[in-house]
């Protein structure tokens, strides 16, 4: 992926970033990226918790699974 890149290449890239954004704006830029990453991780965690909660509600404990060999069996009629 980084074929042939050395420390000098990284130093040049950092110098270009410093010239583009200026030394005063770099801390604010890094803080903004950090906040965005925290918000993103929080949203991913919330989505996983919602999925786990919906799975727990969808298959409550004590209810037998009516699947036979990966296919759902016909539910009994309510006569």
Protein backbone atom coordinates (compact mmCIF):
# COMPACT_ATOMS: atom_id res chain seq x y z
CA UNK A 1 0.00 0.00 0.00
CA UNK A 2 2.79 2.43 0.89
CA UNK A 3 5.26 1.14 -1.69
CA UNK A 4 8.56 2.95 -1.45
CA UNK A 5 7.46 5.73 0.91
CA UNK A 6 10.06 6.80 3.42
CA UNK A 7 10.22 9.18 6.35
CA UNK A 8 11.16 11.99 3.99
CA UNK A 9 7.91 11.59 2.11
CA UNK A 10 5.95 11.86 5.35
CA UNK A 11 7.92 14.96 6.31
CA UNK A 12 7.13 16.59 2.96
CA UNK A 13 3.42 15.78 3.30
CA UNK A 14 3.37 17.29 6.80
CA UNK A 15 5.12 20.42 5.53
CA UNK A 16 2.54 20.82 2.75
CA UNK A 17 -0.31 20.43 5.25
CA UNK A 18 1.32 23.02 7.50
CA UNK A 19 1.61 25.44 4.57
CA UNK A 20 -1.99 24.88 3.47
CA UNK A 21 -3.69 25.19 6.83
CA UNK A 22 -1.21 27.29 8.79
CA UNK A 23 0.15 26.54 12.24
CA UNK A 24 -2.68 28.37 14.02
CA UNK A 25 -5.44 26.27 12.43
CA UNK A 26 -3.90 22.82 12.94
CA UNK A 27 -4.95 22.39 16.62
CA UNK A 28 -8.53 23.36 15.77
CA UNK A 29 -8.49 20.97 12.82
CA UNK A 30 -7.21 18.11 15.00
CA UNK A 31 -9.82 18.88 17.67
CA UNK A 32 -12.58 18.85 15.07
CA UNK A 33 -11.44 15.49 13.70
CA UNK A 34 -11.30 14.07 17.25
CA UNK A 35 -14.83 15.25 18.05
CA UNK A 36 -16.14 13.80 14.79
CA UNK A 37 -14.52 10.44 15.55
CA UNK A 38 -16.07 10.39 19.06
CA UNK A 39 -19.53 11.20 17.68
CA UNK A 40 -19.16 8.49 15.03
CA UNK A 41 -18.10 5.86 17.60
CA UNK A 42 -21.00 6.88 19.85
CA UNK A 43 -23.50 6.49 17.03
CA UNK A 44 -22.11 3.07 16.08
CA UNK A 45 -22.37 1.97 19.73
CA UNK A 46 -25.97 3.23 19.93
CA UNK A 47 -26.89 1.36 16.74
CA UNK A 48 -25.42 -1.87 18.13
CA UNK A 49 -27.37 -1.43 21.38
CA UNK A 50 -30.60 -0.79 19.44
CA UNK A 51 -30.02 -3.91 17.35
CA UNK A 52 -29.40 -5.99 20.47
CA UNK A 53 -32.56 -4.59 22.11
CA UNK A 54 -34.70 -5.26 19.03
CA UNK A 55 -33.30 -8.82 18.77
CA UNK A 56 -34.14 -9.42 22.43
CA UNK A 57 -37.71 -8.19 21.88
CA UNK A 58 -38.14 -10.16 18.64
CA UNK A 59 -37.34 -13.52 20.24
CA UNK A 60 -38.45 -13.46 23.89
CA UNK A 61 -37.19 -16.15 26.24
CA UNK A 62 -39.43 -19.16 26.70
CA UNK A 63 -40.81 -19.14 23.15
CA UNK A 64 -39.80 -22.19 21.16
CA UNK A 65 -38.15 -21.67 17.80
CA UNK A 66 -40.38 -23.11 15.05
CA UNK A 67 -37.60 -23.47 12.47
CA UNK A 68 -36.94 -26.80 10.85
CA UNK A 69 -33.68 -27.12 8.91
CA UNK A 70 -33.40 -23.35 8.41
CA UNK A 71 -36.97 -22.85 7.22
CA UNK A 72 -39.79 -21.48 9.36
CA UNK A 73 -42.43 -24.12 10.11
CA UNK A 74 -46.06 -23.32 9.52
CA UNK A 75 -47.56 -21.85 12.67
CA UNK A 76 -50.40 -23.83 14.25
CA UNK A 77 -53.87 -22.62 13.33
CA UNK A 78 -55.81 -20.71 15.98
CA UNK A 79 -59.02 -22.78 15.90
